[in-house]
Amino acid sequence: MLPFKLVYSDDYYLPIGFHVFPAQKYKRIHDRLLASGIAEPSDFITPRPATDADVLLVHTPQYVEKLKTGTLSAREQMELEVPFSAALVKAFWLAAGGSILAADYALSNGIAISIGGGFHHAFPDHGEGFCMIHDVAIAIRRMQRDSKIRYAMTVDCDVHQGNGTAAIFAGTRTASAPLPSVPTSTLNPASPATTVAKTKTHGRDAGDVFTISLHQENNYPAWKPPSSIDIDLPDEIGDDDYLAWLDNALSSGLRQFDPELLCYIAGADPYREDQLGGLSLTIDGLKKRDELVFRVAKARGIPVMVTLAGGYARNVEDTVNIHCNTVIAAIEVFTR
């Protein structure tokens, strides 16, 4: 039995037909974890859909009404980039419920992983980029509403910037020192990274949410609203430089902010064979990325809620491997 819970439902499947988003990956991850003996049936818990009241903690009443009644405009449907249906609305409400459940269990057990979620392109009043509603933001606001936390941090390692996250949690900012242009990783201080990324750092007043996004600069979305820390990575960056930038971003963010919950968006799409990405991380490098986030959180006693976000490898089994490795990394870090 695992020392933490995996949140999953067969109904996480997104009914979008033939699409670059591999909706079948959720069940494949679940089945692989069981078949390999990494997890047992008792390690999985089944979420309930988020309530409309939960969703309204983040999204506008007008937008929620359009989703519930199927009255999105043609433009709004186009921005989603997935075919709209009532069944799809149900799937997204369930994903949000899964993230709420994972956040709740993380606060009790130190970590919990939702085999889904991470829909970080959704804005309060519209969806974008395969994302209808923002499950992670809903989970944070639900934990805050229930007085379980006051402060949260998002660490977004999807290849695409978390524009919805940045917009939802945009608040009063205070000036803070930028990261160095050439990061030296604490993993290997004698070997500084040589790739220069553009870094934008904005402090936040206490009491809200601190957002970190590590993403490919020359990729979706074209307009990137500012996160608390944005690491705009150049094309083709590899494992070592990526890990050094991530290490720096975590160190900088945690010097400025003391979260009670860390929401890790563990996208598989920085992978070098991803169809919608342009970075060059290996499968092993992505596992080291997960290990780094988990080690930092464990060392500081910060509970971690994990969602899996994007992943569009040419071979869907690569995406499944990367996501399963996130679970394996959590086991290795949190059982030592």
Protein backbone atom coordinates (compact mmCIF):
# COMPACT_ATOMS: atom_id res chain seq x y z
CA MET A 1 0.00 0.00 0.00
CA LEU A 2 1.26 3.45 -0.90
CA PRO A 3 1.79 6.10 1.79
CA PHE A 4 -0.46 8.47 -0.17
CA LYS A 5 -3.57 8.34 -2.32
CA LEU A 6 -4.07 8.39 -6.08
CA VAL A 7 -7.26 10.10 -7.19
CA TYR A 8 -8.79 8.51 -10.27
CA SER A 9 -12.04 7.74 -12.09
CA ASP A 10 -12.67 6.04 -15.42
CA ASP A 11 -14.86 9.07 -16.08
CA TYR A 12 -11.77 11.30 -16.25
CA TYR A 13 -11.84 10.33 -19.93
CA LEU A 14 -12.54 13.39 -22.06
CA PRO A 15 -15.11 12.65 -24.80
CA ILE A 16 -13.37 14.58 -27.57
CA GLY A 17 -12.99 11.96 -30.30
CA PHE A 18 -9.82 11.76 -32.39
CA HIS A 19 -7.62 14.53 -31.00
CA VAL A 20 -3.99 15.37 -30.26
CA PHE A 21 -4.92 15.28 -26.57
CA PRO A 22 -4.68 11.56 -25.66
CA ALA A 23 -7.85 11.22 -23.59
CA GLN A 24 -7.14 7.51 -23.13
CA LYS A 25 -3.97 8.23 -21.15
CA TYR A 26 -5.73 8.41 -17.80
CA LYS A 27 -7.00 4.82 -17.91
CA ARG A 28 -3.66 3.63 -19.32
CA ILE A 29 -1.81 5.23 -16.40
CA HIS A 30 -4.22 3.65 -13.92
CA ASP A 31 -3.92 0.24 -15.55
CA ARG A 32 -0.13 0.44 -15.85
CA LEU A 33 0.29 1.32 -12.17
CA LEU A 34 -1.81 -1.70 -11.19
CA ALA A 35 -0.28 -4.15 -13.69
CA SER A 36 3.26 -3.23 -12.69
CA GLY A 37 2.53 -3.62 -8.99
CA ILE A 38 3.40 0.01 -8.28
CA ALA A 39 -0.07 0.55 -6.85
CA GLU A 40 -2.88 -1.58 -5.47
CA PRO A 41 -6.62 -1.03 -5.94
CA SER A 42 -6.82 0.29 -2.37
CA ASP A 43 -4.39 3.08 -3.25
CA PHE A 44 -6.98 4.71 -5.52
CA ILE A 45 -9.84 6.89 -4.35
CA THR A 46 -12.72 8.00 -6.55
CA PRO A 47 -13.66 11.68 -6.68
CA ARG A 48 -17.05 13.25 -6.86
CA PRO A 49 -17.71 16.10 -9.27
CA ALA A 50 -17.09 19.59 -8.02
CA THR A 51 -20.27 21.44 -7.13
CA ASP A 52 -21.33 24.51 -9.06
CA ALA A 53 -20.57 26.49 -5.89
CA ASP A 54 -17.00 25.19 -6.02
CA VAL A 55 -16.59 26.18 -9.66
CA LEU A 56 -18.03 29.62 -8.92
CA LEU A 57 -15.18 30.25 -6.48
CA VAL A 58 -13.06 30.85 -9.61
CA HIS A 59 -15.32 31.23 -12.65
CA THR A 60 -17.92 33.87 -13.41
CA PRO A 61 -21.63 33.05 -13.09
CA GLN A 62 -22.14 33.99 -16.74
CA TYR A 63 -19.50 31.54 -17.96
CA VAL A 64 -20.70 28.72 -15.72
CA GLU A 65 -24.27 29.28 -16.93
CA LYS A 66 -23.13 29.03 -20.55
CA LEU A 67 -21.32 25.77 -19.84
CA LYS A 68 -24.25 24.25 -17.97
CA THR A 69 -26.78 25.23 -20.64
CA GLY A 70 -24.60 24.64 -23.71
CA THR A 71 -24.85 28.24 -24.88
CA LEU A 72 -21.22 29.10 -25.60
CA SER A 73 -20.73 31.30 -28.62
CA ALA A 74 -18.96 29.91 -31.70
CA ARG A 75 -15.87 31.91 -30.72
CA GLU A 76 -15.92 30.55 -27.17
CA GLN A 77 -16.19 27.00 -28.46
CA MET A 78 -13.33 27.61 -30.87
CA GLU A 79 -11.10 28.89 -28.05
CA LEU A 80 -11.61 25.65 -26.14
CA GLU A 81 -10.00 23.71 -29.03
CA VAL A 82 -11.96 20.61 -28.01
CA PRO A 83 -15.49 19.77 -29.20
CA PHE A 84 -18.04 21.02 -26.68
CA SER A 85 -20.63 18.64 -25.24
CA ALA A 86 -22.62 18.18 -22.05
CA ALA A 87 -20.55 15.04 -21.39
CA LEU A 88 -17.38 17.12 -21.59
CA VAL A 89 -18.75 19.54 -18.99
CA LYS A 90 -19.33 16.59 -16.66
CA ALA A 91 -15.77 15.35 -17.21
CA PHE A 92 -14.31 18.74 -16.34
CA TRP A 93 -16.48 19.08 -13.23
CA LEU A 94 -15.19 15.64 -12.18
CA ALA A 95 -11.57 16.66 -12.82
CA ALA A 96 -12.11 19.67 -10.56
CA GLY A 97 -13.59 17.41 -7.91
CA GLY A 98 -10.52 15.21 -8.23
CA SER A 99 -8.19 18.12 -7.62
CA ILE A 100 -10.23 19.20 -4.59
CA LEU A 101 -9.99 15.67 -3.20
CA ALA A 102 -6.26 15.49 -3.94
CA ALA A 103 -5.65 18.82 -2.20
CA ASP A 104 -7.59 17.66 0.84
CA TYR A 105 -5.66 14.38 1.06
CA ALA A 106 -2.35 16.15 0.49
CA LEU A 107 -2.97 18.29 3.55
CA SER A 108 -3.52 15.12 5.59
CA ASN A 109 -0.89 12.81 4.08
CA GLY A 110 1.81 15.16 2.79
CA ILE A 111 1.13 14.36 -0.87
CA ALA A 112 -1.69 13.19 -3.12
CA ILE A 113 -1.76 12.74 -6.89
CA SER A 114 -4.74 13.17 -9.18
CA ILE A 115 -4.37 11.03 -12.30
CA GLY A 116 -5.82 13.91 -14.28
CA GLY A 117 -6.38 17.65 -13.96
CA GLY A 118 -3.93 20.48 -14.45
CA PHE A 119 -6.15 22.44 -16.86
CA HIS A 120 -4.18 25.63 -16.43
CA HIS A 121 -5.32 27.59 -19.52
CA ALA A 122 -8.86 28.22 -18.27
CA PHE A 123 -9.70 31.82 -17.32
CA PRO A 124 -12.51 32.99 -15.03
CA ASP A 125 -14.74 33.89 -17.96
CA HIS A 126 -13.64 31.54 -20.75
CA GLY A 127 -11.72 28.40 -21.61
CA GLU A 128 -8.67 28.00 -23.79
CA GLY A 129 -6.22 25.39 -25.00
CA PHE A 130 -8.15 22.17 -24.15
CA CYS A 131 -9.08 23.62 -20.73
CA MET A 132 -12.71 24.35 -19.84
CA ILE A 133 -12.40 25.15 -16.12
CA HIS A 134 -9.34 25.57 -13.89
CA ASP A 135 -9.38 22.60 -11.53
CA VAL A 136 -6.24 23.58 -9.60
CA ALA A 137 -7.49 27.10 -8.89
CA ILE A 138 -10.85 25.69 -7.80
CA ALA A 139 -9.09 23.30 -5.41
CA ILE A 140 -7.03 26.12 -3.90
CA ARG A 141 -10.01 28.39 -3.44
CA ARG A 142 -12.01 25.53 -1.91
CA MET A 143 -9.22 24.82 0.60
CA GLN A 144 -9.09 28.53 1.43
CA ARG A 145 -12.87 28.78 1.72
CA ASP A 146 -12.88 25.86 4.14
CA SER A 147 -10.12 27.55 6.19
CA LYS A 148 -7.75 24.64 5.61
CA ILE A 149 -5.07 26.91 4.15
CA ARG A 150 -4.44 30.60 3.61
CA TYR A 151 -1.37 30.45 1.37
CA ALA A 152 -0.71 28.28 -1.68
CA MET A 153 1.93 28.04 -4.38
CA THR A 154 1.58 26.65 -7.88
CA VAL A 155 4.62 25.14 -9.61
CA ASP A 156 3.76 24.66 -13.26
CA CYS A 157 6.15 22.49 -15.27
CA ASP A 158 3.96 22.04 -18.32
CA VAL A 159 5.75 23.12 -21.51
CA HIS A 160 3.08 25.81 -22.01
CA GLN A 161 2.82 28.80 -19.71
CA GLY A 162 -0.01 28.67 -17.17
CA ASN A 163 -1.77 31.76 -18.47
CA GLY A 164 -5.06 30.99 -16.76
CA THR A 165 -3.30 30.42 -13.45
CA ALA A 166 -1.45 33.72 -13.75
CA ALA A 167 -4.64 35.62 -14.60
CA ILE A 168 -6.76 34.05 -11.86
CA PHE A 169 -4.23 34.72 -9.12
CA ALA A 170 -3.03 38.09 -10.38
CA GLY A 171 -3.05 40.49 -7.45
CA THR A 172 -1.04 43.22 -5.88
CA ARG A 173 2.62 42.70 -6.70
CA THR A 174 5.68 44.03 -4.95
CA ALA A 175 9.14 44.33 -6.45
CA SER A 176 11.56 41.47 -5.83
CA ALA A 177 15.02 40.55 -6.98
CA PRO A 178 15.22 38.71 -10.31
CA LEU A 179 16.84 35.31 -10.66
CA PRO A 180 20.40 35.23 -12.00
CA SER A 181 20.70 35.00 -15.77
CA VAL A 182 22.86 31.89 -15.49
CA PRO A 183 21.55 29.57 -12.78
CA THR A 184 23.86 27.38 -10.72
CA SER A 185 22.04 24.29 -9.59
CA THR A 186 22.34 23.23 -5.97
CA LEU A 187 22.18 19.73 -7.37
CA ASN A 188 25.65 20.27 -8.84
CA PRO A 189 27.03 23.67 -7.80
CA ALA A 190 30.27 23.12 -9.68
CA SER A 191 28.44 22.86 -12.98
CA PRO A 192 26.39 25.98 -13.76
CA ALA A 193 23.79 25.86 -16.47
CA THR A 194 24.84 27.67 -19.61
CA THR A 195 21.48 28.24 -21.28
CA VAL A 196 20.12 31.73 -20.66
CA ALA A 197 16.38 31.98 -20.16
CA LYS A 198 14.34 35.14 -19.76
CA THR A 199 13.17 35.46 -16.18
CA LYS A 200 10.38 37.66 -14.91
CA THR A 201 9.93 37.78 -11.15
CA HIS A 202 7.12 39.47 -9.28
CA GLY A 203 6.69 39.22 -5.54
CA ARG A 204 3.20 38.95 -4.07
CA ASP A 205 1.62 40.29 -0.94
CA ALA A 206 1.01 37.54 1.60
CA GLY A 207 -2.41 35.97 1.79
CA ASP A 208 -2.84 34.95 -1.81
CA VAL A 209 -1.22 32.47 -4.19
CA PHE A 210 2.34 32.53 -5.50
CA THR A 211 2.62 31.22 -9.05
CA ILE A 212 5.71 29.76 -10.74
CA SER A 213 5.68 28.79 -14.42
CA LEU A 214 8.60 27.09 -16.18
CA HIS A 215 7.78 26.91 -19.88
CA GLN A 216 9.01 27.23 -23.46
CA GLU A 217 8.99 30.88 -24.45
CA ASN A 218 8.26 30.31 -28.15
CA ASN A 219 5.11 28.31 -27.65
CA TYR A 220 1.45 28.66 -26.75
CA PRO A 221 0.02 30.96 -25.46
CA ALA A 222 1.10 33.96 -27.49
CA TRP A 223 0.08 36.33 -24.67
CA LYS A 224 1.53 35.26 -21.36
CA PRO A 225 0.14 37.20 -18.39
CA PRO A 226 2.76 37.49 -15.65
CA SER A 227 3.09 34.80 -13.01
CA SER A 228 4.91 35.54 -9.76
CA ILE A 229 7.93 33.92 -11.43
CA ASP A 230 8.04 33.11 -15.15
CA ILE A 231 10.98 31.18 -16.59
CA ASP A 232 10.80 31.65 -20.37
CA LEU A 233 12.95 28.81 -21.64
CA PRO A 234 14.62 28.79 -25.07
CA ASP A 235 13.87 26.06 -27.57
CA GLU A 236 15.58 22.67 -27.22
CA ILE A 237 16.72 23.15 -23.63
CA GLY A 238 17.81 19.82 -22.12
CA ASP A 239 17.73 18.07 -18.78
CA ASP A 240 20.61 19.73 -16.93
CA ASP A 241 19.74 23.33 -17.80
CA TYR A 242 16.04 22.73 -17.14
CA LEU A 243 16.73 21.24 -13.70
CA ALA A 244 19.02 24.13 -12.82
CA TRP A 245 16.36 26.71 -13.74
CA LEU A 246 13.73 24.80 -11.80
CA ASP A 247 15.98 24.58 -8.76
CA ASN A 248 16.57 28.33 -8.95
CA ALA A 249 12.88 29.15 -9.36
CA LEU A 250 11.89 27.01 -6.39
CA SER A 251 14.62 28.52 -4.21
CA SER A 252 13.65 32.06 -5.19
CA GLY A 253 9.92 31.48 -4.74
CA LEU A 254 10.29 29.85 -1.35
CA ARG A 255 12.53 32.67 -0.13
CA GLN A 256 9.69 35.08 -0.87
CA PHE A 257 6.65 33.03 0.08
CA ASP A 258 5.73 30.40 2.67
CA PRO A 259 2.92 28.23 1.25
CA GLU A 260 0.79 25.79 3.19
CA LEU A 261 0.06 23.81 0.02
CA LEU A 262 2.12 23.35 -3.14
CA CYS A 263 0.15 22.54 -6.28
CA TYR A 264 2.47 20.85 -8.76
CA ILE A 265 1.34 20.78 -12.40
CA ALA A 266 3.51 17.96 -13.74
CA GLY A 267 3.10 18.22 -17.49
CA ALA A 268 4.69 15.49 -19.60
CA ASP A 269 5.07 17.77 -22.61
CA PRO A 270 8.61 19.13 -22.01
CA TYR A 271 9.58 15.70 -23.39
CA ARG A 272 11.77 15.85 -26.49
CA GLU A 273 9.32 13.73 -28.54
CA ASP A 274 6.24 15.78 -27.68
CA GLN A 275 4.15 16.95 -30.63
CA LEU A 276 3.19 20.28 -29.03
CA GLY A 277 6.47 21.04 -27.30
CA GLY A 278 9.90 22.25 -28.34
CA LEU A 279 12.08 21.37 -25.36
CA SER A 280 14.45 18.41 -25.22
CA LEU A 281 13.99 16.70 -21.87
CA THR A 282 14.40 12.94 -21.64
CA ILE A 283 12.08 10.60 -19.79
CA ASP A 284 14.75 10.23 -17.11
CA GLY A 285 15.17 14.01 -16.91
CA LEU A 286 11.45 14.47 -16.34
CA LYS A 287 11.55 11.99 -13.48
CA LYS A 288 14.44 13.95 -11.96
CA ARG A 289 12.30 17.08 -12.32
CA ASP A 290 9.54 15.44 -10.29
CA GLU A 291 12.04 14.23 -7.69
CA LEU A 292 13.40 17.75 -7.30
CA VAL A 293 9.97 19.27 -6.66
CA PHE A 294 9.10 16.52 -4.20
CA ARG A 295 12.42 16.71 -2.34
CA VAL A 296 12.15 20.47 -1.91
CA ALA A 297 8.56 20.23 -0.67
CA LYS A 298 9.34 17.36 1.71
CA ALA A 299 12.40 19.12 3.14
CA ARG A 300 10.25 22.16 3.96
CA GLY A 301 7.24 20.18 5.17
CA ILE A 302 4.95 21.56 2.46
CA PRO A 303 2.06 19.28 1.40
CA VAL A 304 1.97 18.62 -2.35
CA MET A 305 -1.08 18.17 -4.56
CA VAL A 306 -0.12 16.86 -8.02
CA THR A 307 -2.01 17.07 -11.31
CA LEU A 308 -0.67 15.66 -14.57
CA ALA A 309 -1.65 18.31 -17.16
CA GLY A 310 -0.42 17.97 -20.76
CA GLY A 311 1.44 15.30 -22.65
CA TYR A 312 1.27 14.73 -26.40
CA ALA A 313 4.14 12.39 -27.27
CA ARG A 314 4.11 10.79 -30.70
CA ASN A 315 4.00 7.46 -28.90
CA VAL A 316 1.29 7.71 -26.23
CA GLU A 317 3.10 5.07 -24.19
CA ASP A 318 5.91 7.58 -23.64
CA THR A 319 3.40 9.98 -22.10
CA VAL A 320 2.05 7.16 -19.92
CA ASN A 321 5.60 6.29 -18.82
CA ILE A 322 6.34 9.90 -17.89
CA HIS A 323 3.16 10.22 -15.83
CA CYS A 324 3.73 6.86 -14.11
CA ASN A 325 7.24 8.02 -13.27
CA THR A 326 5.72 10.97 -11.41
CA VAL A 327 4.03 8.47 -9.10
CA ILE A 328 7.25 6.45 -8.79
CA ALA A 329 9.22 9.59 -7.94
CA ALA A 330 6.72 10.43 -5.20
CA ILE A 331 7.03 6.93 -3.77
CA GLU A 332 10.82 7.12 -3.77
CA VAL A 333 10.96 10.56 -2.13
CA PHE A 334 8.16 10.18 0.40
CA THR A 335 9.03 6.68 1.61
CA ARG A 336 12.68 7.39 2.44
